[in-house]
């Protein structure tokens, strides 16, 4: 399984939503998800630099989405002592949001291809 350390998350991905203490659990689950939807191709040792970095970025994006979902999701409306805020409610399910966060980095890589490649 692909591993992404907190330094990569902070310095390369420029993430700031997940604390260093919480990172191991979220990155583990995100890496498992990326491994699942790429059919194990994301953890292949033979990935070149650009593909490997795309997979690492996808893990970071998925970890942030998992953290958002763990915190209760997207707030649709909030009110406090006369002050009110309303956000556009997400029309996507949590699974769809997770897939979209990873898709930003992996949709054009070929790693999500479900078919069989045959040497013709």
PDB file of N, CA and C in Angstrom:
ATOM      1  N   UNK A   1       0.841  -1.174   0.000  1.00  0.00           N
ATOM      2  CA  UNK A   1       0.000   0.000   0.000  1.00  0.00           C
ATOM      3  C   UNK A   1       0.893   1.247   0.000  1.00  0.00           C
ATOM      4  N   UNK A   2       0.459   2.260  -0.705  1.00  0.00           N
ATOM      5  CA  UNK A   2       1.198   3.514  -0.808  1.00  0.00           C
ATOM      6  C   UNK A   2       1.169   4.247   0.536  1.00  0.00           C
ATOM      7  N   UNK A   3       2.315   4.723   0.974  1.00  0.00           N
ATOM      8  CA  UNK A   3       2.363   5.503   2.210  1.00  0.00           C
ATOM      9  C   UNK A   3       2.770   6.938   1.881  1.00  0.00           C
ATOM     10  N   UNK A   4       2.164   7.865   2.589  1.00  0.00           N
ATOM     11  CA  UNK A   4       2.459   9.282   2.420  1.00  0.00           C
ATOM     12  C   UNK A   4       2.729   9.844   3.809  1.00  0.00           C
ATOM     13  N   UNK A   5       3.897  10.439   3.984  1.00  0.00           N
ATOM     14  CA  UNK A   5       4.215  10.972   5.304  1.00  0.00           C
ATOM     15  C   UNK A   5       3.652  12.384   5.476  1.00  0.00           C
ATOM     16  N   UNK A   6       3.655  12.824   6.722  1.00  0.00           N
ATOM     17  CA  UNK A   6       3.071  14.132   7.052  1.00  0.00           C
ATOM     18  C   UNK A   6       3.860  15.272   6.411  1.00  0.00           C
ATOM     19  N   UNK A   7       5.148  15.113   6.257  1.00  0.00           N
ATOM     20  CA  UNK A   7       5.965  16.145   5.613  1.00  0.00           C
ATOM     21  C   UNK A   7       5.523  16.377   4.174  1.00  0.00           C
ATOM     22  N   UNK A   8       5.219  15.285   3.446  1.00  0.00           N
ATOM     23  CA  UNK A   8       4.713  15.424   2.075  1.00  0.00           C
ATOM     24  C   UNK A   8       3.381  16.166   2.097  1.00  0.00           C
ATOM     25  N   UNK A   9       2.517  15.785   3.026  1.00  0.00           N
ATOM     26  CA  UNK A   9       1.203  16.433   3.138  1.00  0.00           C
ATOM     27  C   UNK A   9       1.349  17.936   3.369  1.00  0.00           C
ATOM     28  N   UNK A  10       2.219  18.323   4.282  1.00  0.00           N
ATOM     29  CA  UNK A  10       2.388  19.743   4.616  1.00  0.00           C
ATOM     30  C   UNK A  10       3.154  20.516   3.540  1.00  0.00           C
ATOM     31  N   UNK A  11       4.261  19.956   3.054  1.00  0.00           N
ATOM     32  CA  UNK A  11       5.168  20.717   2.197  1.00  0.00           C
ATOM     33  C   UNK A  11       4.899  20.604   0.702  1.00  0.00           C
ATOM     34  N   UNK A  12       4.421  19.462   0.235  1.00  0.00           N
ATOM     35  CA  UNK A  12       4.180  19.285  -1.194  1.00  0.00           C
ATOM     36  C   UNK A  12       2.713  19.492  -1.536  1.00  0.00           C
ATOM     37  N   UNK A  13       1.826  18.860  -0.775  1.00  0.00           N
ATOM     38  CA  UNK A  13       0.390  19.025  -0.995  1.00  0.00           C
ATOM     39  C   UNK A  13      -0.100  20.363  -0.439  1.00  0.00           C
ATOM     40  N   UNK A  14       0.621  20.905   0.507  1.00  0.00           N
ATOM     41  CA  UNK A  14       0.295  22.149   1.205  1.00  0.00           C
ATOM     42  C   UNK A  14      -1.021  22.027   1.974  1.00  0.00           C
ATOM     43  N   UNK A  15      -1.186  20.891   2.624  1.00  0.00           N
ATOM     44  CA  UNK A  15      -2.373  20.659   3.431  1.00  0.00           C
ATOM     45  C   UNK A  15      -2.274  21.316   4.788  1.00  0.00           C
ATOM     46  N   UNK A  16      -3.441  21.686   5.324  1.00  0.00           N
ATOM     47  CA  UNK A  16      -3.470  22.293   6.659  1.00  0.00           C
ATOM     48  C   UNK A  16      -4.713  21.902   7.444  1.00  0.00           C
ATOM     49  N   UNK A  17      -5.451  20.924   6.961  1.00  0.00           N
ATOM     50  CA  UNK A  17      -6.696  20.551   7.622  1.00  0.00           C
ATOM     51  C   UNK A  17      -6.536  19.420   8.627  1.00  0.00           C
ATOM     52  N   UNK A  18      -5.457  18.685   8.546  1.00  0.00           N
ATOM     53  CA  UNK A  18      -5.267  17.514   9.407  1.00  0.00           C
ATOM     54  C   UNK A  18      -4.038  17.731  10.278  1.00  0.00           C
ATOM     55  N   UNK A  19      -4.176  17.458  11.567  1.00  0.00           N
ATOM     56  CA  UNK A  19      -3.047  17.605  12.490  1.00  0.00           C
ATOM     57  C   UNK A  19      -2.068  16.445  12.308  1.00  0.00           C
ATOM     58  N   UNK A  20      -0.852  16.667  12.749  1.00  0.00           N
ATOM     59  CA  UNK A  20       0.163  15.623  12.639  1.00  0.00           C
ATOM     60  C   UNK A  20      -0.220  14.379  13.438  1.00  0.00           C
ATOM     61  N   UNK A  21      -0.891  14.573  14.570  1.00  0.00           N
ATOM     62  CA  UNK A  21      -1.314  13.436  15.394  1.00  0.00           C
ATOM     63  C   UNK A  21      -2.401  12.607  14.711  1.00  0.00           C
ATOM     64  N   UNK A  22      -3.264  13.252  13.954  1.00  0.00           N
ATOM     65  CA  UNK A  22      -4.370  12.548  13.295  1.00  0.00           C
ATOM     66  C   UNK A  22      -3.972  11.985  11.933  1.00  0.00           C
ATOM     67  N   UNK A  23      -2.868  12.443  11.374  1.00  0.00           N
ATOM     68  CA  UNK A  23      -2.470  12.061  10.028  1.00  0.00           C
ATOM     69  C   UNK A  23      -2.314  10.550   9.817  1.00  0.00           C
ATOM     70  N   UNK A  24      -1.661   9.798  10.693  1.00  0.00           N
ATOM     71  CA  UNK A  24      -1.469   8.365  10.411  1.00  0.00           C
ATOM     72  C   UNK A  24      -2.766   7.606  10.139  1.00  0.00           C
ATOM     73  N   UNK A  25      -3.799   7.858  10.906  1.00  0.00           N
ATOM     74  CA  UNK A  25      -5.054   7.128  10.716  1.00  0.00           C
ATOM     75  C   UNK A  25      -5.745   7.540   9.426  1.00  0.00           C
ATOM     76  N   UNK A  26      -5.824   8.848   9.167  1.00  0.00           N
ATOM     77  CA  UNK A  26      -6.491   9.305   7.950  1.00  0.00           C
ATOM     78  C   UNK A  26      -5.712   8.911   6.704  1.00  0.00           C
ATOM     79  N   UNK A  27      -4.392   8.995   6.743  1.00  0.00           N
ATOM     80  CA  UNK A  27      -3.602   8.635   5.561  1.00  0.00           C
ATOM     81  C   UNK A  27      -3.662   7.133   5.299  1.00  0.00           C
ATOM     82  N   UNK A  28      -3.716   6.330   6.347  1.00  0.00           N
ATOM     83  CA  UNK A  28      -3.844   4.878   6.181  1.00  0.00           C
ATOM     84  C   UNK A  28      -5.134   4.525   5.462  1.00  0.00           C
ATOM     85  N   UNK A  29      -6.250   5.099   5.934  1.00  0.00           N
ATOM     86  CA  UNK A  29      -7.542   4.811   5.319  1.00  0.00           C
ATOM     87  C   UNK A  29      -7.631   5.371   3.903  1.00  0.00           C
ATOM     88  N   UNK A  30      -7.057   6.542   3.688  1.00  0.00           N
ATOM     89  CA  UNK A  30      -7.065   7.143   2.352  1.00  0.00           C
ATOM     90  C   UNK A  30      -6.225   6.304   1.389  1.00  0.00           C
ATOM     91  N   UNK A  31      -5.076   5.828   1.843  1.00  0.00           N
ATOM     92  CA  UNK A  31      -4.223   4.991   0.994  1.00  0.00           C
ATOM     93  C   UNK A  31      -4.921   3.680   0.645  1.00  0.00           C
ATOM     94  N   UNK A  32      -5.647   3.121   1.597  1.00  0.00           N
ATOM     95  CA  UNK A  32      -6.401   1.895   1.326  1.00  0.00           C
ATOM     96  C   UNK A  32      -7.477   2.159   0.271  1.00  0.00           C
ATOM     97  N   UNK A  33      -8.131   3.309   0.353  1.00  0.00           N
ATOM     98  CA  UNK A  33      -9.156   3.656  -0.632  1.00  0.00           C
ATOM     99  C   UNK A  33      -8.536   3.852  -2.023  1.00  0.00           C
ATOM    100  N   UNK A  34      -7.430   4.575  -2.097  1.00  0.00           N
ATOM    101  CA  UNK A  34      -6.756   4.785  -3.384  1.00  0.00           C
ATOM    102  C   UNK A  34      -6.281   3.452  -3.951  1.00  0.00           C
ATOM    103  N   UNK A  35      -5.759   2.585  -3.110  1.00  0.00           N
ATOM    104  CA  UNK A  35      -5.327   1.261  -3.545  1.00  0.00           C
ATOM    105  C   UNK A  35      -6.511   0.468  -4.101  1.00  0.00           C
ATOM    106  N   UNK A  36      -7.653   0.581  -3.447  1.00  0.00           N
ATOM    107  CA  UNK A  36      -8.852  -0.142  -3.881  1.00  0.00           C
ATOM    108  C   UNK A  36      -9.339   0.332  -5.244  1.00  0.00           C
ATOM    109  N   UNK A  37      -9.455   1.647  -5.424  1.00  0.00           N
ATOM    110  CA  UNK A  37     -10.046   2.110  -6.682  1.00  0.00           C
ATOM    111  C   UNK A  37      -9.066   2.075  -7.853  1.00  0.00           C
ATOM    112  N   UNK A  38      -7.774   1.905  -7.562  1.00  0.00           N
ATOM    113  CA  UNK A  38      -6.801   1.743  -8.645  1.00  0.00           C
ATOM    114  C   UNK A  38      -6.459   0.273  -8.858  1.00  0.00           C
ATOM    115  N   UNK A  39      -7.158  -0.624  -8.182  1.00  0.00           N
ATOM    116  CA  UNK A  39      -6.961  -2.061  -8.316  1.00  0.00           C
ATOM    117  C   UNK A  39      -5.519  -2.457  -7.998  1.00  0.00           C
ATOM    118  N   UNK A  40      -4.956  -1.799  -7.004  1.00  0.00           N
ATOM    119  CA  UNK A  40      -3.605  -2.104  -6.552  1.00  0.00           C
ATOM    120  C   UNK A  40      -2.508  -1.449  -7.367  1.00  0.00           C
ATOM    121  N   UNK A  41      -2.860  -0.735  -8.414  1.00  0.00           N
ATOM    122  CA  UNK A  41      -1.836  -0.118  -9.267  1.00  0.00           C
ATOM    123  C   UNK A  41      -1.138   1.058  -8.587  1.00  0.00           C
ATOM    124  N   UNK A  42      -1.793   1.709  -7.647  1.00  0.00           N
ATOM    125  CA  UNK A  42      -1.198   2.871  -6.977  1.00  0.00           C
ATOM    126  C   UNK A  42      -0.039   2.469  -6.075  1.00  0.00           C
ATOM    127  N   UNK A  43      -0.015   1.239  -5.641  1.00  0.00           N
ATOM    128  CA  UNK A  43       1.058   0.809  -4.746  1.00  0.00           C
ATOM    129  C   UNK A  43       2.142   0.038  -5.488  1.00  0.00           C
ATOM    130  N   UNK A  44       2.069   0.017  -6.808  1.00  0.00           N
ATOM    131  CA  UNK A  44       3.078  -0.695  -7.587  1.00  0.00           C
ATOM    132  C   UNK A  44       4.432  -0.010  -7.462  1.00  0.00           C
ATOM    133  N   UNK A  45       5.460  -0.801  -7.341  1.00  0.00           N
ATOM    134  CA  UNK A  45       6.806  -0.257  -7.188  1.00  0.00           C
ATOM    135  C   UNK A  45       7.310   0.424  -8.460  1.00  0.00           C
ATOM    136  N   UNK A  46       6.750   0.054  -9.601  1.00  0.00           N
ATOM    137  CA  UNK A  46       7.240   0.568 -10.866  1.00  0.00           C
ATOM    138  C   UNK A  46       6.645   1.897 -11.307  1.00  0.00           C
ATOM    139  N   UNK A  47       5.910   2.582 -10.457  1.00  0.00           N
ATOM    140  CA  UNK A  47       5.334   3.863 -10.855  1.00  0.00           C
ATOM    141  C   UNK A  47       6.432   4.895 -11.065  1.00  0.00           C
ATOM    142  N   UNK A  48       6.306   5.651 -12.157  1.00  0.00           N
ATOM    143  CA  UNK A  48       7.296   6.710 -12.378  1.00  0.00           C
ATOM    144  C   UNK A  48       7.019   7.877 -11.445  1.00  0.00           C
ATOM    145  N   UNK A  49       7.874   8.865 -11.446  1.00  0.00           N
ATOM    146  CA  UNK A  49       7.784   9.985 -10.514  1.00  0.00           C
ATOM    147  C   UNK A  49       6.470  10.732 -10.573  1.00  0.00           C
ATOM    148  N   UNK A  50       5.987  11.024 -11.789  1.00  0.00           N
ATOM    149  CA  UNK A  50       4.750  11.799 -11.926  1.00  0.00           C
ATOM    150  C   UNK A  50       3.540  11.000 -11.458  1.00  0.00           C
ATOM    151  N   UNK A  51       3.478   9.719 -11.818  1.00  0.00           N
ATOM    152  CA  UNK A  51       2.346   8.891 -11.378  1.00  0.00           C
ATOM    153  C   UNK A  51       2.374   8.670  -9.872  1.00  0.00           C
ATOM    154  N   UNK A  52       3.559   8.450  -9.338  1.00  0.00           N
ATOM    155  CA  UNK A  52       3.666   8.242  -7.890  1.00  0.00           C
ATOM    156  C   UNK A  52       3.226   9.498  -7.145  1.00  0.00           C
ATOM    157  N   UNK A  53       3.643  10.670  -7.624  1.00  0.00           N
ATOM    158  CA  UNK A  53       3.249  11.901  -6.968  1.00  0.00           C
ATOM    159  C   UNK A  53       1.744  12.126  -7.101  1.00  0.00           C
ATOM    160  N   UNK A  54       1.156  11.797  -8.243  1.00  0.00           N
ATOM    161  CA  UNK A  54      -0.296  11.926  -8.409  1.00  0.00           C
ATOM    162  C   UNK A  54      -1.022  11.037  -7.405  1.00  0.00           C
ATOM    163  N   UNK A  55      -0.503   9.835  -7.188  1.00  0.00           N
ATOM    164  CA  UNK A  55      -1.114   8.928  -6.213  1.00  0.00           C
ATOM    165  C   UNK A  55      -0.962   9.469  -4.792  1.00  0.00           C
ATOM    166  N   UNK A  56       0.189  10.040  -4.493  1.00  0.00           N
ATOM    167  CA  UNK A  56       0.389  10.627  -3.169  1.00  0.00           C
ATOM    168  C   UNK A  56      -0.538  11.824  -2.952  1.00  0.00           C
ATOM    169  N   UNK A  57      -0.716  12.636  -3.979  1.00  0.00           N
ATOM    170  CA  UNK A  57      -1.634  13.776  -3.877  1.00  0.00           C
ATOM    171  C   UNK A  57      -3.065  13.274  -3.683  1.00  0.00           C
ATOM    172  N   UNK A  58      -3.422  12.191  -4.369  1.00  0.00           N
ATOM    173  CA  UNK A  58      -4.756  11.615  -4.218  1.00  0.00           C
ATOM    174  C   UNK A  58      -4.978  11.117  -2.795  1.00  0.00           C
ATOM    175  N   UNK A  59      -3.952  10.527  -2.196  1.00  0.00           N
ATOM    176  CA  UNK A  59      -4.052  10.080  -0.802  1.00  0.00           C
ATOM    177  C   UNK A  59      -4.285  11.280   0.112  1.00  0.00           C
ATOM    178  N   UNK A  60      -3.586  12.366  -0.126  1.00  0.00           N
ATOM    179  CA  UNK A  60      -3.767  13.570   0.697  1.00  0.00           C
ATOM    180  C   UNK A  60      -5.179  14.130   0.549  1.00  0.00           C
ATOM    181  N   UNK A  61      -5.664  14.197  -0.686  1.00  0.00           N
ATOM    182  CA  UNK A  61      -7.014  14.712  -0.927  1.00  0.00           C
ATOM    183  C   UNK A  61      -8.061  13.814  -0.278  1.00  0.00           C
ATOM    184  N   UNK A  62      -7.883  12.506  -0.393  1.00  0.00           N
ATOM    185  CA  UNK A  62      -8.824  11.570   0.222  1.00  0.00           C
ATOM    186  C   UNK A  62      -8.766  11.664   1.746  1.00  0.00           C
ATOM    187  N   UNK A  63      -7.575  11.833   2.299  1.00  0.00           N
ATOM    188  CA  UNK A  63      -7.447  11.957   3.753  1.00  0.00           C
ATOM    189  C   UNK A  63      -8.187  13.192   4.255  1.00  0.00           C
ATOM    190  N   UNK A  64      -8.070  14.305   3.525  1.00  0.00           N
ATOM    191  CA  UNK A  64      -8.796  15.510   3.931  1.00  0.00           C
ATOM    192  C   UNK A  64     -10.306  15.302   3.833  1.00  0.00           C
ATOM    193  N   UNK A  65     -10.767  14.615   2.803  1.00  0.00           N
ATOM    194  CA  UNK A  65     -12.203  14.348   2.675  1.00  0.00           C
ATOM    195  C   UNK A  65     -12.675  13.423   3.796  1.00  0.00           C
ATOM    196  N   UNK A  66     -11.884  12.413   4.136  1.00  0.00           N
ATOM    197  CA  UNK A  66     -12.242  11.519   5.237  1.00  0.00           C
ATOM    198  C   UNK A  66     -12.292  12.281   6.556  1.00  0.00           C
ATOM    199  N   UNK A  67     -11.364  13.212   6.747  1.00  0.00           N
ATOM    200  CA  UNK A  67     -11.358  14.027   7.958  1.00  0.00           C
ATOM    201  C   UNK A  67     -12.611  14.896   8.012  1.00  0.00           C
ATOM    202  N   UNK A  68     -13.008  15.470   6.882  1.00  0.00           N
ATOM    203  CA  UNK A  68     -14.229  16.286   6.816  1.00  0.00           C
ATOM    204  C   UNK A  68     -15.447  15.443   7.165  1.00  0.00           C
ATOM    205  N   UNK A  69     -15.505  14.246   6.619  1.00  0.00           N
ATOM    206  CA  UNK A  69     -16.633  13.363   6.905  1.00  0.00           C
ATOM    207  C   UNK A  69     -16.632  12.932   8.368  1.00  0.00           C
ATOM    208  N   UNK A  70     -15.454  12.701   8.919  1.00  0.00           N
ATOM    209  CA  UNK A  70     -15.349  12.304  10.319  1.00  0.00           C
ATOM    210  C   UNK A  70     -15.800  13.424  11.255  1.00  0.00           C
ATOM    211  N   UNK A  71     -15.587  14.663  10.822  1.00  0.00           N
ATOM    212  CA  UNK A  71     -15.973  15.825  11.635  1.00  0.00           C
ATOM    213  C   UNK A  71     -17.457  16.153  11.522  1.00  0.00           C
ATOM    214  N   UNK A  72     -18.186  15.418  10.714  1.00  0.00           N
ATOM    215  CA  UNK A  72     -19.619  15.646  10.605  1.00  0.00           C
ATOM    216  C   UNK A  72     -20.073  16.123   9.247  1.00  0.00           C
ATOM    217  N   UNK A  73     -19.155  16.263   8.315  1.00  0.00           N
ATOM    218  CA  UNK A  73     -19.528  16.640   6.964  1.00  0.00           C
ATOM    219  C   UNK A  73     -19.602  18.132   6.750  1.00  0.00           C
ATOM    220  N   UNK A  74     -20.263  18.512   5.679  1.00  0.00           N
ATOM    221  CA  UNK A  74     -20.378  19.907   5.267  1.00  0.00           C
ATOM    222  C   UNK A  74     -21.575  20.544   5.960  1.00  0.00           C
ATOM    223  N   UNK A  75     -21.372  21.699   6.576  1.00  0.00           N
ATOM    224  CA  UNK A  75     -22.455  22.403   7.257  1.00  0.00           C
ATOM    225  C   UNK A  75     -23.360  23.041   6.224  1.00  0.00           C
ATOM    226  N   UNK A  76     -24.665  22.803   6.332  1.00  0.00           N
ATOM    227  CA  UNK A  76     -25.616  23.400   5.396  1.00  0.00           C
ATOM    228  C   UNK A  76     -26.168  24.705   5.946  1.00  0.00           C
ATOM    229  N   UNK A  77     -26.300  24.813   7.266  1.00  0.00           N
ATOM    230  CA  UNK A  77     -26.841  26.018   7.864  1.00  0.00           C
ATOM    231  C   UNK A  77     -26.382  26.105   9.310  1.00  0.00           C
ATOM    232  N   UNK A  78     -26.109  27.339   9.764  1.00  0.00           N
ATOM    233  CA  UNK A  78     -25.694  27.546  11.152  1.00  0.00           C
ATOM    234  C   UNK A  78     -26.269  28.861  11.651  1.00  0.00           C
ATOM    235  N   UNK A  79     -26.656  28.875  12.927  1.00  0.00           N
ATOM    236  CA  UNK A  79     -27.203  30.089  13.516  1.00  0.00           C
ATOM    237  C   UNK A  79     -26.706  30.202  14.949  1.00  0.00           C
ATOM    238  N   UNK A  80     -26.324  31.429  15.345  1.00  0.00           N
ATOM    239  CA  UNK A  80     -25.822  31.636  16.683  1.00  0.00           C
ATOM    240  C   UNK A  80     -26.163  33.053  17.132  1.00  0.00           C
ATOM    241  N   UNK A  81     -27.052  33.169  18.078  1.00  0.00           N
ATOM    242  CA  UNK A  81     -27.395  34.439  18.706  1.00  0.00           C
ATOM    243  C   UNK A  81     -27.707  35.550  17.690  1.00  0.00           C
ATOM    244  N   UNK A  82     -28.573  35.215  16.749  1.00  0.00           N
ATOM    245  CA  UNK A  82     -28.998  36.201  15.762  1.00  0.00           C
ATOM    246  C   UNK A  82     -28.160  36.249  14.505  1.00  0.00           C
ATOM    247  N   UNK A  83     -26.981  35.644  14.528  1.00  0.00           N
ATOM    248  CA  UNK A  83     -26.124  35.589  13.347  1.00  0.00           C
ATOM    249  C   UNK A  83     -26.366  34.268  12.648  1.00  0.00           C
ATOM    250  N   UNK A  84     -26.596  34.315  11.353  1.00  0.00           N
ATOM    251  CA  UNK A  84     -26.918  33.105  10.612  1.00  0.00           C
ATOM    252  C   UNK A  84     -26.057  32.997   9.365  1.00  0.00           C
ATOM    253  N   UNK A  85     -25.625  31.788   9.063  1.00  0.00           N
ATOM    254  CA  UNK A  85     -24.880  31.498   7.845  1.00  0.00           C
ATOM    255  C   UNK A  85     -25.505  30.293   7.186  1.00  0.00           C
ATOM    256  N   UNK A  86     -25.564  30.325   5.873  1.00  0.00           N
ATOM    257  CA  UNK A  86     -26.069  29.186   5.115  1.00  0.00           C
ATOM    258  C   UNK A  86     -25.094  28.887   3.997  1.00  0.00           C
ATOM    259  N   UNK A  87     -24.761  27.618   3.867  1.00  0.00           N
ATOM    260  CA  UNK A  87     -23.870  27.168   2.819  1.00  0.00           C
ATOM    261  C   UNK A  87     -24.671  26.330   1.840  1.00  0.00           C
ATOM    262  N   UNK A  88     -24.190  26.239   0.642  1.00  0.00           N
ATOM    263  CA  UNK A  88     -24.853  25.383  -0.327  1.00  0.00           C
ATOM    264  C   UNK A  88     -24.643  23.944   0.126  1.00  0.00           C
ATOM    265  N   UNK A  89     -25.733  23.251   0.334  1.00  0.00           N
ATOM    266  CA  UNK A  89     -25.642  21.875   0.794  1.00  0.00           C
ATOM    267  C   UNK A  89     -25.084  21.000  -0.326  1.00  0.00           C
ATOM    268  N   UNK A  90     -24.202  20.105   0.037  1.00  0.00           N
ATOM    269  CA  UNK A  90     -23.607  19.213  -0.944  1.00  0.00           C
ATOM    270  C   UNK A  90     -24.654  18.233  -1.452  1.00  0.00           C
ATOM    271  N   UNK A  91     -24.759  18.130  -2.753  1.00  0.00           N
ATOM    272  CA  UNK A  91     -25.727  17.222  -3.335  1.00  0.00           C
ATOM    273  C   UNK A  91     -25.130  15.839  -3.544  1.00  0.00           C
ATOM    274  N   UNK A  92     -23.870  15.665  -3.202  1.00  0.00           N
ATOM    275  CA  UNK A  92     -23.209  14.385  -3.372  1.00  0.00           C
ATOM    276  C   UNK A  92     -23.199  13.604  -2.063  1.00  0.00           C
ATOM    277  N   UNK A  93     -23.200  12.298  -2.187  1.00  0.00           N
ATOM    278  CA  UNK A  93     -23.065  11.440  -1.015  1.00  0.00           C
ATOM    279  C   UNK A  93     -21.614  11.483  -0.547  1.00  0.00           C
ATOM    280  N   UNK A  94     -21.342  11.040   0.673  1.00  0.00           N
ATOM    281  CA  UNK A  94     -19.947  11.004   1.134  1.00  0.00           C
ATOM    282  C   UNK A  94     -19.047  10.173   0.213  1.00  0.00           C
ATOM    283  N   UNK A  95     -19.553   9.065  -0.285  1.00  0.00           N
ATOM    284  CA  UNK A  95     -18.760   8.241  -1.198  1.00  0.00           C
ATOM    285  C   UNK A  95     -18.453   8.955  -2.500  1.00  0.00           C
ATOM    286  N   UNK A  96     -19.409   9.700  -3.002  1.00  0.00           N
ATOM    287  CA  UNK A  96     -19.188  10.463  -4.227  1.00  0.00           C
ATOM    288  C   UNK A  96     -18.171  11.577  -4.007  1.00  0.00           C
ATOM    289  N   UNK A  97     -18.233  12.230  -2.850  1.00  0.00           N
ATOM    290  CA  UNK A  97     -17.259  13.280  -2.555  1.00  0.00           C
ATOM    291  C   UNK A  97     -15.851  12.698  -2.421  1.00  0.00           C
ATOM    292  N   UNK A  98     -15.756  11.515  -1.813  1.00  0.00           N
ATOM    293  CA  UNK A  98     -14.450  10.866  -1.670  1.00  0.00           C
ATOM    294  C   UNK A  98     -13.894  10.500  -3.039  1.00  0.00           C
ATOM    295  N   UNK A  99     -14.730   9.932  -3.885  1.00  0.00           N
ATOM    296  CA  UNK A  99     -14.292   9.556  -5.240  1.00  0.00           C
ATOM    297  C   UNK A  99     -13.884  10.788  -6.040  1.00  0.00           C
ATOM    298  N   UNK A 100     -14.617  11.883  -5.906  1.00  0.00           N
ATOM    299  CA  UNK A 100     -14.297  13.119  -6.630  1.00  0.00           C
ATOM    300  C   UNK A 100     -12.970  13.706  -6.156  1.00  0.00           C
ATOM    301  N   UNK A 101     -12.687  13.618  -4.868  1.00  0.00           N
ATOM    302  CA  UNK A 101     -11.425  14.164  -4.355  1.00  0.00           C
ATOM    303  C   UNK A 101     -10.238  13.411  -4.932  1.00  0.00           C
ATOM    304  N   UNK A 102     -10.372  12.115  -5.081  1.00  0.00           N
ATOM    305  CA  UNK A 102      -9.303  11.301  -5.660  1.00  0.00           C
ATOM    306  C   UNK A 102      -9.255  11.494  -7.179  1.00  0.00           C
ATOM    307  N   UNK A 103     -10.414  11.619  -7.792  1.00  0.00           N
ATOM    308  CA  UNK A 103     -10.486  11.775  -9.237  1.00  0.00           C
ATOM    309  C   UNK A 103      -9.774  13.010  -9.746  1.00  0.00           C
ATOM    310  N   UNK A 104      -9.738  14.040  -8.941  1.00  0.00           N
ATOM    311  CA  UNK A 104      -9.023  15.248  -9.329  1.00  0.00           C
ATOM    312  C   UNK A 104      -7.580  14.935  -9.704  1.00  0.00           C
ATOM    313  N   UNK A 105      -6.969  13.989  -9.002  1.00  0.00           N
ATOM    314  CA  UNK A 105      -5.570  13.645  -9.227  1.00  0.00           C
ATOM    315  C   UNK A 105      -5.365  12.438 -10.127  1.00  0.00           C
ATOM    316  N   UNK A 106      -6.346  11.531 -10.197  1.00  0.00           N
ATOM    317  CA  UNK A 106      -6.097  10.266 -10.893  1.00  0.00           C
ATOM    318  C   UNK A 106      -6.943  10.016 -12.138  1.00  0.00           C
ATOM    319  N   UNK A 107      -7.926  10.839 -12.416  1.00  0.00           N
ATOM    320  CA  UNK A 107      -8.822  10.555 -13.545  1.00  0.00           C
ATOM    321  C   UNK A 107      -8.091  10.421 -14.883  1.00  0.00           C
ATOM    322  N   UNK A 108      -7.065  11.181 -15.123  1.00  0.00           N
ATOM    323  CA  UNK A 108      -6.373  11.143 -16.418  1.00  0.00           C
ATOM    324  C   UNK A 108      -5.093  10.323 -16.417  1.00  0.00           C
ATOM    325  N   UNK A 109      -4.917   9.484 -15.435  1.00  0.00           N
ATOM    326  CA  UNK A 109      -3.678   8.713 -15.343  1.00  0.00           C
ATOM    327  C   UNK A 109      -3.784   7.312 -15.923  1.00  0.00           C
ATOM    328  N   UNK A 110      -4.988   6.800 -16.084  1.00  0.00           N
ATOM    329  CA  UNK A 110      -5.174   5.424 -16.528  1.00  0.00           C
ATOM    330  C   UNK A 110      -5.206   4.434 -15.380  1.00  0.00           C
ATOM    331  N   UNK A 111      -4.895   4.889 -14.167  1.00  0.00           N
ATOM    332  CA  UNK A 111      -4.870   3.983 -13.017  1.00  0.00           C
ATOM    333  C   UNK A 111      -6.269   3.545 -12.581  1.00  0.00           C
ATOM    334  N   UNK A 112      -7.299   4.272 -12.987  1.00  0.00           N
ATOM    335  CA  UNK A 112      -8.663   3.927 -12.595  1.00  0.00           C
ATOM    336  C   UNK A 112      -9.362   3.056 -13.634  1.00  0.00           C
ATOM    337  N   UNK A 113      -8.648   2.671 -14.699  1.00  0.00           N
ATOM    338  CA  UNK A 113      -9.230   1.882 -15.780  1.00  0.00           C
ATOM    339  C   UNK A 113      -9.653   0.506 -15.258  1.00  0.00           C
ATOM    340  N   UNK A 114     -10.896   0.137 -15.521  1.00  0.00           N
ATOM    341  CA  UNK A 114     -11.445  -1.132 -15.025  1.00  0.00           C
ATOM    342  C   UNK A 114     -11.330  -2.266 -16.013  1.00  0.00           C
ATOM    343  N   UNK A 115     -10.978  -1.975 -17.238  1.00  0.00           N
ATOM    344  CA  UNK A 115     -10.899  -3.003 -18.265  1.00  0.00           C
ATOM    345  C   UNK A 115      -9.622  -3.820 -18.204  1.00  0.00           C
ATOM    346  N   UNK A 116      -9.507  -4.693 -19.167  1.00  0.00           N
ATOM    347  CA  UNK A 116      -8.340  -5.553 -19.268  1.00  0.00           C
ATOM    348  C   UNK A 116      -7.515  -5.088 -20.450  1.00  0.00           C
ATOM    349  N   UNK A 117      -6.258  -4.950 -20.233  1.00  0.00           N
ATOM    350  CA  UNK A 117      -5.356  -4.551 -21.302  1.00  0.00           C
ATOM    351  C   UNK A 117      -4.752  -5.802 -21.921  1.00  0.00           C
ATOM    352  N   UNK A 118      -4.919  -5.931 -23.189  1.00  0.00           N
ATOM    353  CA  UNK A 118      -4.357  -7.110 -23.843  1.00  0.00           C
ATOM    354  C   UNK A 118      -3.261  -6.685 -24.821  1.00  0.00           C
ATOM    355  N   UNK A 119      -2.192  -7.441 -24.883  1.00  0.00           N
ATOM    356  CA  UNK A 119      -1.130  -7.126 -25.852  1.00  0.00           C
ATOM    357  C   UNK A 119      -1.546  -7.598 -27.242  1.00  0.00           C
ATOM    358  N   UNK A 120      -2.025  -6.672 -28.010  1.00  0.00           N
ATOM    359  CA  UNK A 120      -2.499  -7.028 -29.366  1.00  0.00           C
ATOM    360  C   UNK A 120      -1.435  -6.792 -30.398  1.00  0.00           C
TER     361      UNK A 120
END
